[in-house]
Amino acid sequence: MEELARLAGITVRTLRFYRERKLIPPPRREGRIAWYDDHHLARLRTITALLERGHTLNGIAELAEAFDHGRDVGELLGVDTPTDEVPVRLTPEELADRFAGQVTPENLAAALDLGYLGIDGQEIVHISRRLLDVSSALVHEGIPLAEVLRAGREARAHADALADLFADLILRHAPEEALHRLRPLARSVVDAELSLALDRRLRKQD
């Protein structure tokens, strides 16, 4: 316990408090010896990063309980409604390989905060294969993961505004059931407008 607390940069008293609040899973026991591993250390570092981002211990405890007791992954990630996106399951090692060693506690906390990631047992679940592929491609082009996540948060705000625009348009003239059926049309409009906007942006560079 003392070694784990030292590596996590917290006191033993704080570690005991986290255990009592069930923020970390119990250690593996062999007789009177309690063994902690890298998963415990990663959880502690993520808790610290989430606290620094303004999350409360109660909120973190609720998230930890969902992680440890198998709440439905779709519910955890907020994709229990119909979606075109395909979640991806990864081990912590596979996630680290995808992002060239930039999966820091701060970046992990930001991805959890955005809803890009959830944890199901020993696996990490990414909300969208397309977002995962694009994010890792940008990182391998030399863009820091922290910047990619910040851009993702801004893109989320714009996407929410576009979704509201499309939904309001449909609901003024069609029943609510039409929203799901017509969503491919909204995607086509956004794809086309973004393509044209990029064309205009590139012409400014010339």
Protein backbone atom coordinates (compact mmCIF):
# COMPACT_ATOMS: atom_id res chain seq x y z
CA MET A 1 0.00 0.00 0.00
CA GLU A 2 2.83 2.39 0.84
CA GLU A 3 4.52 1.74 -2.52
CA LEU A 4 1.26 2.24 -4.46
CA ALA A 5 0.56 5.52 -2.64
CA ARG A 6 4.08 6.77 -3.35
CA LEU A 7 3.86 5.93 -7.07
CA ALA A 8 0.43 7.60 -7.31
CA GLY A 9 1.65 10.73 -5.50
CA ILE A 10 -0.91 10.49 -2.70
CA THR A 11 -0.78 9.66 1.01
CA VAL A 12 -1.55 6.23 2.44
CA ARG A 13 -4.42 7.86 4.31
CA THR A 14 -5.90 9.09 1.02
CA LEU A 15 -5.45 5.63 -0.50
CA ARG A 16 -7.32 4.06 2.42
CA PHE A 17 -10.08 6.62 1.98
CA TYR A 18 -10.37 5.75 -1.73
CA ARG A 19 -10.58 2.06 -0.83
CA GLU A 20 -13.33 2.73 1.71
CA ARG A 21 -15.26 4.71 -0.92
CA LYS A 22 -14.70 1.81 -3.36
CA LEU A 23 -13.05 4.11 -5.88
CA ILE A 24 -10.47 1.42 -6.57
CA PRO A 25 -11.03 -2.35 -6.74
CA PRO A 26 -9.75 -4.51 -3.86
CA PRO A 27 -6.21 -5.90 -4.10
CA ARG A 28 -5.41 -9.52 -4.86
CA ARG A 29 -4.64 -11.27 -1.58
CA GLU A 30 -2.19 -14.04 -0.81
CA GLY A 31 -2.51 -14.83 2.85
CA ARG A 32 -1.90 -11.58 4.72
CA ILE A 33 -0.25 -9.91 1.69
CA ALA A 34 -2.28 -7.55 -0.50
CA TRP A 35 -0.99 -7.16 -4.05
CA TYR A 36 -1.73 -4.04 -6.11
CA ASP A 37 -0.93 -3.82 -9.83
CA ASP A 38 -0.72 -1.36 -12.72
CA HIS A 39 -4.52 -1.24 -13.03
CA HIS A 40 -4.78 0.14 -9.49
CA LEU A 41 -2.08 2.72 -10.22
CA ALA A 42 -3.79 3.78 -13.46
CA ARG A 43 -7.12 4.14 -11.62
CA LEU A 44 -5.52 6.33 -8.93
CA ARG A 45 -3.84 8.55 -11.49
CA THR A 46 -7.11 8.90 -13.38
CA ILE A 47 -8.94 9.83 -10.15
CA THR A 48 -6.35 12.55 -9.53
CA ALA A 49 -6.73 13.87 -13.08
CA LEU A 50 -10.55 13.86 -12.83
CA LEU A 51 -10.41 15.74 -9.51
CA GLU A 52 -8.12 18.32 -11.10
CA ARG A 53 -10.70 18.77 -13.88
CA GLY A 54 -13.36 19.60 -11.31
CA HIS A 55 -15.16 16.27 -10.95
CA THR A 56 -16.49 15.41 -7.49
CA LEU A 57 -15.63 12.25 -5.57
CA ASN A 58 -19.30 11.26 -5.69
CA GLY A 59 -19.30 11.50 -9.47
CA ILE A 60 -16.06 9.56 -9.73
CA ALA A 61 -17.44 6.92 -7.35
CA GLU A 62 -20.50 6.49 -9.55
CA LEU A 63 -18.27 6.08 -12.61
CA ALA A 64 -16.03 3.59 -10.77
CA GLU A 65 -19.06 1.56 -9.68
CA ALA A 66 -20.26 1.38 -13.28
CA PHE A 67 -16.81 0.27 -14.41
CA ASP A 68 -16.49 -2.43 -11.74
CA HIS A 69 -20.03 -3.84 -11.76
CA GLY A 70 -20.61 -4.24 -15.46
CA ARG A 71 -23.16 -1.53 -16.24
CA ASP A 72 -24.14 -1.87 -19.88
CA VAL A 73 -21.38 -0.30 -21.97
CA GLY A 74 -23.85 1.39 -24.31
CA GLU A 75 -25.52 3.04 -21.33
CA LEU A 76 -22.14 4.01 -19.86
CA LEU A 77 -21.06 5.69 -23.10
CA GLY A 78 -24.45 7.16 -23.87
CA VAL A 79 -24.95 5.16 -27.07
CA ASP A 80 -27.88 3.02 -25.97
CA THR A 81 -30.00 4.80 -28.62
CA PRO A 82 -29.63 3.75 -32.30
CA THR A 83 -26.36 4.94 -33.80
CA ASP A 84 -24.26 4.47 -36.92
CA GLU A 85 -21.07 4.39 -34.84
CA VAL A 86 -19.34 1.12 -33.96
CA PRO A 87 -17.72 0.92 -30.49
CA VAL A 88 -14.24 -0.61 -30.27
CA ARG A 89 -12.90 -2.73 -27.41
CA LEU A 90 -9.21 -2.32 -26.55
CA THR A 91 -6.83 -3.44 -23.87
CA PRO A 92 -4.97 -0.61 -22.06
CA GLU A 93 -1.84 -1.69 -23.95
CA GLU A 94 -3.58 -1.50 -27.34
CA LEU A 95 -4.89 1.97 -26.51
CA ALA A 96 -1.38 3.12 -25.55
CA ASP A 97 0.01 1.74 -28.82
CA ARG A 98 -2.67 3.59 -30.80
CA PHE A 99 -1.57 6.94 -29.39
CA ALA A 100 2.21 6.65 -29.28
CA GLY A 101 2.54 6.77 -25.50
CA GLN A 102 0.35 9.87 -25.07
CA VAL A 103 -2.33 8.13 -22.98
CA THR A 104 -1.52 10.14 -19.85
CA PRO A 105 -3.90 10.33 -16.87
CA GLU A 106 -4.84 13.87 -17.98
CA ASN A 107 -5.65 12.75 -21.53
CA LEU A 108 -7.49 9.68 -20.26
CA ALA A 109 -9.58 11.87 -17.95
CA ALA A 110 -10.36 14.25 -20.83
CA ALA A 111 -11.46 11.34 -23.06
CA LEU A 112 -13.65 9.95 -20.27
CA ASP A 113 -15.09 13.43 -19.70
CA LEU A 114 -15.94 13.73 -23.41
CA GLY A 115 -17.58 10.31 -23.39
CA TYR A 116 -15.12 8.93 -25.95
CA LEU A 117 -14.06 6.16 -23.55
CA GLY A 118 -15.69 3.81 -21.08
CA ILE A 119 -14.27 0.86 -19.17
CA ASP A 120 -15.85 -2.60 -19.12
CA GLY A 121 -13.98 -4.93 -16.77
CA GLN A 122 -10.38 -5.08 -17.97
CA GLU A 123 -11.20 -3.59 -21.37
CA ILE A 124 -11.49 -0.01 -22.59
CA VAL A 125 -14.36 0.77 -24.96
CA HIS A 126 -14.08 3.62 -27.46
CA ILE A 127 -17.42 5.08 -28.53
CA SER A 128 -16.63 5.18 -32.27
CA ARG A 129 -14.22 3.31 -34.54
CA ARG A 130 -14.16 6.28 -36.94
CA LEU A 131 -13.25 8.75 -34.20
CA LEU A 132 -10.63 6.35 -32.85
CA ASP A 133 -9.03 5.93 -36.28
CA VAL A 134 -9.04 9.67 -37.02
CA SER A 135 -7.69 10.59 -33.57
CA SER A 136 -4.83 8.10 -33.75
CA ALA A 137 -4.01 9.18 -37.33
CA LEU A 138 -3.75 12.82 -36.23
CA VAL A 139 -1.49 11.86 -33.32
CA HIS A 140 0.78 9.90 -35.66
CA GLU A 141 0.96 13.02 -37.86
CA GLY A 142 2.57 14.80 -34.91
CA ILE A 143 -0.47 16.53 -33.35
CA PRO A 144 -0.53 16.13 -29.54
CA LEU A 145 -3.40 14.02 -28.23
CA ALA A 146 -4.37 16.79 -25.79
CA GLU A 147 -4.91 19.14 -28.77
CA VAL A 148 -6.90 16.48 -30.64
CA LEU A 149 -9.18 16.08 -27.61
CA ARG A 150 -9.63 19.84 -27.30
CA ALA A 151 -10.59 19.99 -30.98
CA GLY A 152 -12.97 17.09 -30.41
CA ARG A 153 -14.72 19.03 -27.67
CA GLU A 154 -15.16 22.03 -30.00
CA ALA A 155 -16.34 19.78 -32.84
CA ARG A 156 -18.87 18.24 -30.44
CA ALA A 157 -20.38 21.67 -29.72
CA HIS A 158 -20.70 22.45 -33.45
CA ALA A 159 -22.13 18.99 -34.17
CA ASP A 160 -24.74 19.43 -31.44
CA ALA A 161 -25.76 22.74 -33.02
CA LEU A 162 -26.06 21.13 -36.47
CA ALA A 163 -28.11 18.25 -35.04
CA ASP A 164 -30.47 20.72 -33.37
CA LEU A 165 -30.80 22.64 -36.66
CA PHE A 166 -31.67 19.50 -38.61
CA ALA A 167 -34.02 18.12 -35.92
CA ASP A 168 -35.88 21.44 -35.66
CA LEU A 169 -36.28 21.54 -39.45
CA ILE A 170 -37.72 18.01 -39.60
CA LEU A 171 -39.96 18.35 -36.55
CA ARG A 172 -41.58 21.47 -37.96
CA HIS A 173 -42.80 19.51 -40.97
CA ALA A 174 -42.72 15.78 -40.19
CA PRO A 175 -43.42 13.38 -37.30
CA GLU A 176 -40.68 12.55 -34.79
CA GLU A 177 -40.32 9.04 -36.29
CA ALA A 178 -38.87 10.67 -39.43
CA LEU A 179 -35.76 11.84 -37.56
CA HIS A 180 -34.03 8.47 -37.59
CA ARG A 181 -35.08 7.68 -41.17
CA LEU A 182 -33.83 11.02 -42.49
CA ARG A 183 -30.57 11.22 -40.54
CA PRO A 184 -28.51 10.09 -43.61
CA LEU A 185 -29.67 13.26 -45.37
CA ALA A 186 -28.31 15.39 -42.52
CA ARG A 187 -24.98 13.58 -42.69
CA SER A 188 -24.80 14.17 -46.45
CA VAL A 189 -25.41 17.89 -46.01
CA VAL A 190 -22.74 18.17 -43.30
CA ASP A 191 -20.21 16.13 -45.32
CA ALA A 192 -20.78 18.26 -48.41
CA GLU A 193 -20.65 21.58 -46.57
CA LEU A 194 -17.50 20.57 -44.70
CA SER A 195 -15.87 19.48 -47.96
CA LEU A 196 -16.72 22.82 -49.57
CA ALA A 197 -15.54 24.73 -46.49
CA LEU A 198 -12.19 22.90 -46.62
CA ASP A 199 -11.92 23.78 -50.32
CA ARG A 200 -12.43 27.46 -49.45
CA ARG A 201 -9.91 27.25 -46.62
CA LEU A 202 -7.28 25.63 -48.85
CA ARG A 203 -7.77 28.28 -51.55
CA LYS A 204 -6.95 30.94 -48.95
CA GLN A 205 -3.62 29.19 -48.39
CA ASP A 206 -2.68 29.38 -52.09
